[in-house]
N, C-alpha and C. Protein backbone atom coordinates (compact mmCIF):
# COMPACT_ATOMS: atom_id res chain seq x y z
N UNK A 1 -34.40 36.04 -52.57
CA UNK A 1 -35.36 35.67 -53.40
C UNK A 1 -36.81 36.20 -52.47
N UNK A 2 -37.90 36.67 -53.03
CA UNK A 2 -39.11 36.95 -52.37
C UNK A 2 -40.37 36.42 -53.19
N UNK A 3 -41.25 36.10 -52.27
CA UNK A 3 -42.57 35.36 -52.83
C UNK A 3 -43.62 36.22 -52.14
N UNK A 4 -44.48 36.34 -52.75
CA UNK A 4 -45.98 36.58 -52.47
C UNK A 4 -46.75 35.70 -52.81
N UNK A 5 -47.27 34.65 -51.88
CA UNK A 5 -48.02 33.64 -51.89
C UNK A 5 -49.33 33.73 -51.67
N UNK A 6 -50.28 33.32 -52.46
CA UNK A 6 -51.60 33.67 -52.26
C UNK A 6 -52.42 32.40 -52.53
N UNK A 7 -53.41 31.86 -51.38
CA UNK A 7 -53.85 30.62 -51.67
C UNK A 7 -55.20 31.00 -52.46
N UNK A 8 -55.28 30.24 -53.71
CA UNK A 8 -56.43 30.65 -54.62
C UNK A 8 -57.58 29.38 -54.52
N UNK A 9 -58.71 29.87 -55.09
CA UNK A 9 -59.41 28.83 -55.70
C UNK A 9 -59.42 28.63 -57.20
N UNK A 10 -58.99 29.81 -57.81
CA UNK A 10 -58.44 29.63 -59.24
C UNK A 10 -57.77 30.86 -59.51
N UNK A 11 -56.83 30.87 -60.79
CA UNK A 11 -55.81 31.86 -61.16
C UNK A 11 -55.52 31.58 -62.38
N UNK A 12 -55.40 32.76 -63.24
CA UNK A 12 -54.65 32.70 -64.64
C UNK A 12 -54.29 34.17 -64.93
N UNK A 13 -53.31 33.86 -65.77
CA UNK A 13 -52.46 35.01 -66.43
C UNK A 13 -52.67 34.90 -67.72
N UNK A 14 -52.75 36.39 -68.34
CA UNK A 14 -52.96 36.48 -69.84
C UNK A 14 -51.84 37.43 -70.42
N UNK A 15 -51.45 37.38 -71.45
CA UNK A 15 -50.48 38.11 -72.23
C UNK A 15 -51.26 38.17 -73.64
N UNK A 16 -51.36 39.59 -73.87
CA UNK A 16 -52.10 40.17 -74.95
C UNK A 16 -53.42 39.58 -75.20
N UNK A 17 -53.90 39.38 -74.36
CA UNK A 17 -55.50 38.71 -74.54
C UNK A 17 -55.29 37.03 -74.47
N UNK A 18 -54.30 36.61 -74.44
CA UNK A 18 -54.22 35.06 -74.42
C UNK A 18 -54.09 34.41 -72.99
N UNK A 19 -54.71 33.45 -72.72
CA UNK A 19 -54.24 32.93 -71.29
C UNK A 19 -53.15 31.85 -71.53
N UNK A 20 -52.04 32.24 -70.67
CA UNK A 20 -50.80 31.27 -70.94
C UNK A 20 -50.58 30.55 -69.66
N UNK A 21 -51.18 30.84 -68.66
CA UNK A 21 -51.10 29.91 -67.64
C UNK A 21 -52.57 29.96 -66.66
N UNK A 22 -52.80 28.76 -66.15
CA UNK A 22 -54.26 28.95 -65.24
C UNK A 22 -54.12 27.60 -64.50
N UNK A 23 -54.77 28.04 -63.37
CA UNK A 23 -54.88 26.85 -62.40
C UNK A 23 -56.42 27.12 -61.57
N UNK A 24 -56.48 25.82 -61.12
CA UNK A 24 -57.77 25.86 -60.29
C UNK A 24 -57.06 26.19 -58.56
N UNK A 25 -57.79 25.22 -57.80
CA UNK A 25 -57.43 25.46 -56.21
C UNK A 25 -55.89 25.17 -56.33
N UNK A 26 -55.24 26.27 -55.51
CA UNK A 26 -53.78 26.07 -55.16
C UNK A 26 -53.12 27.17 -54.86
N UNK A 27 -51.83 27.59 -55.45
CA UNK A 27 -51.09 28.82 -54.93
C UNK A 27 -50.79 29.66 -56.34
N UNK A 28 -50.99 30.82 -56.10
CA UNK A 28 -50.48 31.82 -57.08
C UNK A 28 -49.26 32.30 -56.17
N UNK A 29 -48.13 32.23 -56.92
CA UNK A 29 -46.89 32.63 -56.21
C UNK A 29 -46.24 33.94 -57.31
N UNK A 30 -46.04 35.03 -56.60
CA UNK A 30 -45.28 36.14 -57.70
C UNK A 30 -44.00 35.91 -56.95
N UNK A 31 -43.08 35.96 -57.85
CA UNK A 31 -41.77 35.37 -57.44
C UNK A 31 -40.75 36.61 -57.94
N UNK A 32 -40.01 37.36 -57.03
CA UNK A 32 -38.82 38.06 -57.51
C UNK A 32 -37.45 37.86 -57.05
N UNK A 33 -36.53 38.05 -57.74
CA UNK A 33 -35.33 37.46 -57.69
C UNK A 33 -34.39 38.66 -57.43
N UNK A 34 -33.22 38.65 -56.50
CA UNK A 34 -32.47 39.67 -56.03
C UNK A 34 -31.09 39.33 -56.73
N UNK A 35 -29.95 40.27 -57.15
CA UNK A 35 -28.99 40.02 -57.67
C UNK A 35 -28.25 38.97 -57.11
N UNK A 36 -28.11 39.07 -56.09
CA UNK A 36 -27.15 38.22 -55.24
C UNK A 36 -28.04 36.79 -54.93
N UNK A 37 -29.05 36.32 -55.64
CA UNK A 37 -29.65 35.19 -55.12
C UNK A 37 -28.90 34.09 -55.92
N UNK A 38 -28.65 32.91 -55.33
CA UNK A 38 -28.11 31.55 -55.79
C UNK A 38 -29.14 30.48 -55.81
N UNK A 39 -28.56 29.48 -56.11
CA UNK A 39 -29.35 28.21 -55.92
C UNK A 39 -29.94 27.77 -54.68
N UNK A 40 -28.89 28.26 -53.75
CA UNK A 40 -29.48 28.02 -52.19
C UNK A 40 -30.73 28.74 -51.99
N UNK A 41 -30.98 29.87 -52.33
CA UNK A 41 -32.37 30.46 -52.43
C UNK A 41 -33.24 29.86 -52.96
N UNK A 42 -33.16 29.48 -54.16
CA UNK A 42 -33.93 28.72 -55.05
C UNK A 42 -34.42 27.39 -54.06
N UNK A 43 -33.55 26.81 -53.55
CA UNK A 43 -33.94 25.38 -53.00
C UNK A 43 -34.71 25.62 -52.00
N UNK A 44 -34.16 26.95 -50.94
CA UNK A 44 -34.95 27.03 -49.78
C UNK A 44 -36.57 27.50 -50.17
N UNK A 45 -36.67 28.24 -51.21
CA UNK A 45 -38.04 28.77 -51.61
C UNK A 45 -38.82 27.55 -52.22
N UNK A 46 -38.31 26.72 -52.80
CA UNK A 46 -38.92 25.72 -53.37
C UNK A 46 -39.63 24.73 -52.25
N UNK A 47 -38.53 24.42 -51.41
CA UNK A 47 -39.10 23.58 -50.12
C UNK A 47 -40.12 24.46 -49.25
N UNK A 48 -39.88 25.49 -49.10
CA UNK A 48 -40.58 26.47 -48.16
C UNK A 48 -42.19 26.66 -48.72
N UNK A 49 -42.22 26.98 -50.05
CA UNK A 49 -43.56 27.24 -50.75
C UNK A 49 -44.19 26.29 -51.01
N UNK A 50 -43.72 25.13 -51.66
CA UNK A 50 -44.55 23.96 -51.95
C UNK A 50 -45.00 23.21 -50.69
N UNK A 51 -44.14 23.38 -49.52
CA UNK A 51 -44.36 22.72 -48.25
C UNK A 51 -45.35 23.47 -47.26
N UNK A 52 -46.01 24.70 -47.68
CA UNK A 52 -46.64 25.38 -46.88
C UNK A 52 -48.09 24.66 -46.52
N UNK A 53 -48.20 24.62 -45.00
CA UNK A 53 -49.27 23.94 -44.79
C UNK A 53 -50.60 24.82 -44.56
N UNK A 54 -51.33 25.38 -45.56
CA UNK A 54 -51.94 26.54 -45.47
C UNK A 54 -53.56 26.25 -46.11
N UNK A 55 -53.69 25.09 -46.33
CA UNK A 55 -55.01 24.63 -46.84
C UNK A 55 -55.65 23.77 -45.55
N UNK A 56 -57.09 23.87 -45.56
CA UNK A 56 -57.80 23.36 -44.34
C UNK A 56 -58.01 21.80 -44.59
N UNK A 57 -57.76 21.37 -43.34
CA UNK A 57 -58.01 19.98 -43.33
C UNK A 57 -59.49 19.49 -42.78
N UNK A 58 -59.98 18.37 -42.60
CA UNK A 58 -61.57 18.33 -42.39
C UNK A 58 -62.06 18.97 -41.00
N UNK A 59 -60.98 19.16 -40.40
CA UNK A 59 -61.51 19.83 -38.95
C UNK A 59 -61.37 21.60 -39.17
N UNK A 60 -61.08 22.04 -40.41
CA UNK A 60 -61.07 23.52 -40.65
C UNK A 60 -59.66 24.02 -40.24
N UNK A 61 -58.78 23.38 -39.86
CA UNK A 61 -57.57 24.00 -39.44
C UNK A 61 -56.42 23.86 -40.88
N UNK A 62 -55.68 25.08 -40.86
CA UNK A 62 -54.73 25.24 -41.86
C UNK A 62 -53.83 24.20 -41.58
N UNK A 63 -53.63 22.75 -42.18
CA UNK A 63 -52.55 21.90 -41.79
C UNK A 63 -52.27 21.03 -43.07
N UNK A 64 -52.83 21.30 -44.35
CA UNK A 64 -52.66 20.58 -45.38
C UNK A 64 -51.70 21.33 -46.31
N UNK A 65 -50.85 20.50 -46.98
CA UNK A 65 -50.00 21.28 -48.10
C UNK A 65 -50.64 21.09 -49.46
N UNK A 66 -49.93 21.80 -50.41
CA UNK A 66 -50.31 21.75 -51.75
C UNK A 66 -50.39 20.25 -52.42
N UNK A 67 -49.63 19.56 -52.23
CA UNK A 67 -49.70 18.21 -52.79
C UNK A 67 -50.70 17.32 -51.97
N UNK A 68 -50.80 17.53 -50.76
CA UNK A 68 -52.01 16.92 -49.96
C UNK A 68 -53.24 17.14 -50.57
N UNK A 69 -53.70 18.35 -51.03
CA UNK A 69 -54.99 18.55 -51.56
C UNK A 69 -54.92 18.44 -52.96
N UNK A 70 -54.01 18.09 -53.68
CA UNK A 70 -53.93 17.90 -55.06
C UNK A 70 -53.96 19.03 -55.90
N UNK A 71 -53.45 20.26 -55.53
CA UNK A 71 -53.35 21.48 -56.14
C UNK A 71 -52.59 21.83 -56.92
N UNK A 72 -52.41 22.90 -57.47
CA UNK A 72 -51.48 23.47 -58.59
C UNK A 72 -50.90 24.78 -58.05
N UNK A 73 -49.97 25.14 -58.96
CA UNK A 73 -49.10 26.53 -58.45
C UNK A 73 -49.02 27.30 -59.83
N UNK A 74 -49.58 28.50 -59.72
CA UNK A 74 -49.20 29.61 -60.72
C UNK A 74 -48.02 30.29 -60.43
N UNK A 75 -46.96 30.24 -61.21
CA UNK A 75 -45.69 31.15 -60.68
C UNK A 75 -45.46 32.13 -61.53
N UNK A 76 -45.54 33.50 -61.31
CA UNK A 76 -45.52 34.61 -62.29
C UNK A 76 -44.21 35.45 -61.67
N UNK A 77 -43.45 35.79 -62.64
CA UNK A 77 -42.03 36.61 -62.26
C UNK A 77 -42.77 37.93 -61.98
N UNK A 78 -41.91 38.38 -60.78
CA UNK A 78 -42.62 40.07 -60.49
C UNK A 78 -41.21 40.69 -59.76
N UNK A 79 -40.63 41.13 -60.76
CA UNK A 79 -39.44 42.00 -60.47
C UNK A 79 -39.57 43.36 -59.31
N UNK A 80 -41.22 43.79 -59.31
CA UNK A 80 -41.53 44.87 -58.82
C UNK A 80 -41.70 44.47 -57.19
N UNK A 81 -41.43 42.96 -56.78
CA UNK A 81 -41.47 42.91 -55.23
C UNK A 81 -40.01 43.40 -54.63
N UNK A 82 -39.13 43.81 -55.57
CA UNK A 82 -37.96 44.51 -55.01
C UNK A 82 -38.05 46.02 -55.18
N UNK A 83 -39.22 46.43 -55.41
CA UNK A 83 -39.48 47.93 -55.52
C UNK A 83 -38.90 48.62 -54.23
N UNK A 84 -37.98 49.64 -54.20
CA UNK A 84 -37.75 50.55 -53.00
C UNK A 84 -38.68 51.66 -52.90
N UNK A 85 -39.60 51.99 -52.31
CA UNK A 85 -40.45 53.17 -51.99
C UNK A 85 -39.94 54.03 -51.01
N UNK A 86 -39.03 53.85 -50.29
CA UNK A 86 -38.48 54.53 -49.33
C UNK A 86 -38.21 56.24 -49.61
N UNK A 87 -37.86 56.48 -50.75
CA UNK A 87 -37.67 57.75 -51.05
C UNK A 87 -38.46 58.14 -52.14
N UNK A 88 -39.20 59.53 -52.05
CA UNK A 88 -39.88 59.84 -53.14
C UNK A 88 -40.92 59.19 -53.46
N UNK A 89 -41.68 59.43 -54.57
CA UNK A 89 -42.96 58.67 -55.01
C UNK A 89 -42.78 57.48 -56.13
N UNK A 90 -41.42 57.76 -56.65
CA UNK A 90 -41.44 56.80 -57.75
C UNK A 90 -40.55 55.34 -57.19
N UNK A 91 -41.04 54.31 -57.42
CA UNK A 91 -40.03 53.11 -56.87
C UNK A 91 -38.92 53.01 -57.51
N UNK A 92 -37.90 52.83 -56.89
CA UNK A 92 -36.47 52.28 -57.38
C UNK A 92 -36.35 50.78 -57.54
N UNK A 93 -35.97 50.17 -58.78
CA UNK A 93 -36.26 48.63 -58.95
C UNK A 93 -34.66 48.33 -59.04
N UNK A 94 -33.61 48.94 -58.25
CA UNK A 94 -32.30 48.44 -58.49
C UNK A 94 -31.83 47.47 -57.57
N UNK A 95 -32.78 47.01 -56.69
CA UNK A 95 -32.65 45.87 -55.91
C UNK A 95 -32.97 44.61 -56.62
N UNK A 96 -33.50 44.64 -57.81
CA UNK A 96 -34.17 43.40 -58.53
C UNK A 96 -32.94 43.05 -59.51
N UNK A 97 -32.89 41.58 -59.65
CA UNK A 97 -32.02 41.08 -60.46
C UNK A 97 -32.19 41.44 -61.93
N UNK A 98 -31.11 41.67 -62.74
CA UNK A 98 -31.45 41.86 -64.23
C UNK A 98 -31.83 40.46 -64.95
N UNK A 99 -32.39 40.48 -65.91
CA UNK A 99 -32.87 39.38 -66.39
C UNK A 99 -31.90 38.13 -66.72
N UNK A 100 -30.36 38.36 -66.99
CA UNK A 100 -29.65 37.43 -67.15
C UNK A 100 -29.54 36.65 -66.03
N UNK A 101 -29.91 37.16 -64.55
CA UNK A 101 -29.65 36.50 -63.59
C UNK A 101 -31.05 35.96 -63.12
N UNK A 102 -32.04 36.73 -63.26
CA UNK A 102 -33.20 36.42 -62.86
C UNK A 102 -33.99 35.12 -63.59
N UNK A 103 -33.82 35.04 -64.71
CA UNK A 103 -34.62 34.12 -65.57
C UNK A 103 -34.07 32.60 -65.23
N UNK A 104 -32.41 32.35 -65.14
CA UNK A 104 -32.56 31.18 -64.80
C UNK A 104 -32.89 30.68 -63.47
N UNK A 105 -32.81 31.69 -62.59
CA UNK A 105 -33.17 31.24 -61.16
C UNK A 105 -34.67 31.13 -61.09
N UNK A 106 -35.47 31.86 -61.72
CA UNK A 106 -36.97 31.69 -61.49
C UNK A 106 -37.18 30.44 -62.37
N UNK A 107 -36.39 30.36 -63.56
CA UNK A 107 -36.87 28.95 -64.18
C UNK A 107 -36.42 27.62 -63.34
N UNK A 108 -35.45 27.77 -62.55
CA UNK A 108 -34.81 26.65 -61.39
C UNK A 108 -35.97 26.61 -60.42
N UNK A 109 -36.67 27.64 -60.07
CA UNK A 109 -37.82 27.68 -59.10
C UNK A 109 -38.99 26.56 -59.29
N UNK A 110 -39.33 27.03 -60.96
CA UNK A 110 -40.39 26.19 -61.59
C UNK A 110 -39.96 24.67 -61.64
N UNK A 111 -38.67 24.47 -62.30
CA UNK A 111 -38.26 23.07 -62.29
C UNK A 111 -38.25 22.50 -60.86
N UNK A 112 -37.89 23.29 -59.81
CA UNK A 112 -37.76 22.64 -58.61
C UNK A 112 -39.18 22.01 -58.24
N UNK A 113 -40.31 22.92 -58.38
CA UNK A 113 -41.42 22.74 -57.92
C UNK A 113 -41.94 21.46 -58.96
N UNK A 114 -41.84 21.46 -60.05
CA UNK A 114 -42.20 20.34 -60.82
C UNK A 114 -41.44 19.00 -60.70
N UNK A 115 -40.26 19.28 -60.21
CA UNK A 115 -39.48 17.74 -59.65
C UNK A 115 -40.12 17.37 -58.45
N UNK A 116 -40.78 18.03 -57.64
CA UNK A 116 -41.59 17.40 -56.29
C UNK A 116 -42.89 16.82 -57.02
N UNK A 117 -43.17 16.74 -57.97
CA UNK A 117 -44.35 16.19 -58.57
C UNK A 117 -45.66 17.12 -58.74
N UNK A 118 -45.34 18.48 -58.31
CA UNK A 118 -46.79 19.36 -58.53
C UNK A 118 -46.92 19.77 -59.77
N UNK A 119 -47.98 20.23 -60.03
CA UNK A 119 -48.63 20.75 -61.30
C UNK A 119 -48.28 22.19 -61.24
N UNK A 120 -47.62 22.81 -62.19
CA UNK A 120 -47.14 24.16 -62.20
C UNK A 120 -47.47 25.04 -63.68
N UNK A 121 -48.02 26.04 -63.46
CA UNK A 121 -48.45 26.63 -64.62
C UNK A 121 -47.61 28.11 -64.56
N UNK A 122 -47.33 28.90 -65.65
CA UNK A 122 -46.42 29.97 -65.46
C UNK A 122 -46.90 31.26 -66.12
N UNK A 123 -46.53 32.42 -66.09
CA UNK A 123 -46.58 33.71 -66.81
C UNK A 123 -45.41 33.66 -67.97
N UNK A 124 -45.24 34.55 -68.38
CA UNK A 124 -44.21 34.83 -69.46
C UNK A 124 -43.28 35.75 -69.13
N UNK A 125 -42.06 35.46 -68.50
CA UNK A 125 -40.95 36.28 -68.49
C UNK A 125 -40.94 37.52 -69.37
N UNK A 126 -40.77 38.78 -68.91
CA UNK A 126 -40.60 40.15 -69.17
C UNK A 126 -41.64 40.27 -70.22
N UNK A 127 -42.88 39.92 -69.89
CA UNK A 127 -44.14 40.51 -70.86
C UNK A 127 -44.97 41.05 -69.73
N UNK A 128 -45.70 41.88 -70.48
CA UNK A 128 -46.90 42.56 -69.74
C UNK A 128 -48.00 41.60 -69.50
N UNK A 129 -48.19 41.25 -68.17
CA UNK A 129 -49.12 40.39 -67.80
C UNK A 129 -50.45 40.82 -67.16
N UNK A 130 -51.55 40.17 -67.13
CA UNK A 130 -52.74 40.42 -66.49
C UNK A 130 -53.00 38.98 -65.79
N UNK A 131 -52.81 39.40 -64.21
CA UNK A 131 -53.03 38.06 -63.54
C UNK A 131 -54.53 38.45 -62.73
N UNK A 132 -55.29 37.39 -62.93
CA UNK A 132 -56.48 37.35 -62.28
C UNK A 132 -56.95 36.22 -61.28
N UNK A 133 -57.28 36.51 -60.08
CA UNK A 133 -57.31 35.35 -58.96
C UNK A 133 -58.72 35.67 -58.05
N UNK A 134 -58.94 34.43 -57.62
CA UNK A 134 -59.90 34.53 -56.59
C UNK A 134 -59.06 34.23 -55.34
N UNK A 135 -58.67 34.88 -54.50
CA UNK A 135 -58.00 34.77 -53.22
C UNK A 135 -58.92 33.98 -52.05
N UNK A 136 -58.47 32.65 -51.73
CA UNK A 136 -59.15 31.88 -50.84
C UNK A 136 -58.89 32.16 -49.52
N UNK A 137 -59.59 32.84 -48.66
CA UNK A 137 -59.69 33.04 -47.19
C UNK A 137 -60.01 34.53 -47.02
N UNK A 138 -59.16 35.54 -47.32
CA UNK A 138 -58.09 35.49 -48.09
C UNK A 138 -56.82 35.04 -47.38
N UNK A 139 -55.98 34.14 -47.81
CA UNK A 139 -54.50 34.04 -47.03
C UNK A 139 -53.65 34.45 -48.16
N UNK A 140 -52.59 35.15 -47.68
CA UNK A 140 -51.69 36.08 -48.40
C UNK A 140 -50.45 35.89 -47.43
N UNK A 141 -49.30 35.32 -48.20
CA UNK A 141 -48.14 35.35 -47.21
C UNK A 141 -46.78 35.97 -47.86
N UNK A 142 -45.81 36.63 -47.28
CA UNK A 142 -44.70 37.05 -48.00
C UNK A 142 -43.66 36.11 -47.40
N UNK A 143 -42.78 35.70 -48.43
CA UNK A 143 -41.67 34.87 -47.92
C UNK A 143 -40.34 35.39 -48.48
N UNK A 144 -39.38 35.49 -47.62
CA UNK A 144 -38.11 35.80 -48.33
C UNK A 144 -37.01 34.88 -47.74
N UNK A 145 -36.37 34.44 -48.77
CA UNK A 145 -35.25 33.38 -48.55
C UNK A 145 -33.91 33.87 -47.81
N UNK A 146 -33.69 35.24 -47.85
CA UNK A 146 -32.65 35.93 -47.06
C UNK A 146 -32.72 35.68 -45.59
N UNK A 147 -33.69 35.76 -45.25
CA UNK A 147 -34.25 35.95 -43.85
C UNK A 147 -34.15 34.36 -43.15
N UNK A 148 -33.83 33.74 -43.80
CA UNK A 148 -33.74 32.20 -43.56
C UNK A 148 -32.39 31.93 -43.19
N UNK A 149 -31.27 32.40 -43.93
CA UNK A 149 -30.01 32.27 -43.83
C UNK A 149 -29.37 32.77 -42.54
């Protein structure tokens, strides 16, 4: 599982001109699923992403988590995080999970974050989405579950 995590002051995702998910201060998480990902990958990513201490405390140090600032998370499915650009100019997406694998794991990630008591908004799986954000910092991190095991 891969995530591109961005600290944002606000973000929203639109489908066909309609806003389907929006947050103020918090995290925008672009989440990709690999074919061999399991619940262990989901559990790792929920714990890691939700617990990131990347918000500034009173001293200006990145020391606070999403829960500590009362922030929200916007989670958007992003199979292109598994795009392989090593050969040619057209990316291959064979490393991305097919929908029958990706959807349940994506939904498990969202449910896991909600179970922690965090506010979560989402995009729509398999839809063309327009994501808008104001990256705060900017702070952008790439996280992979497989590097952890």
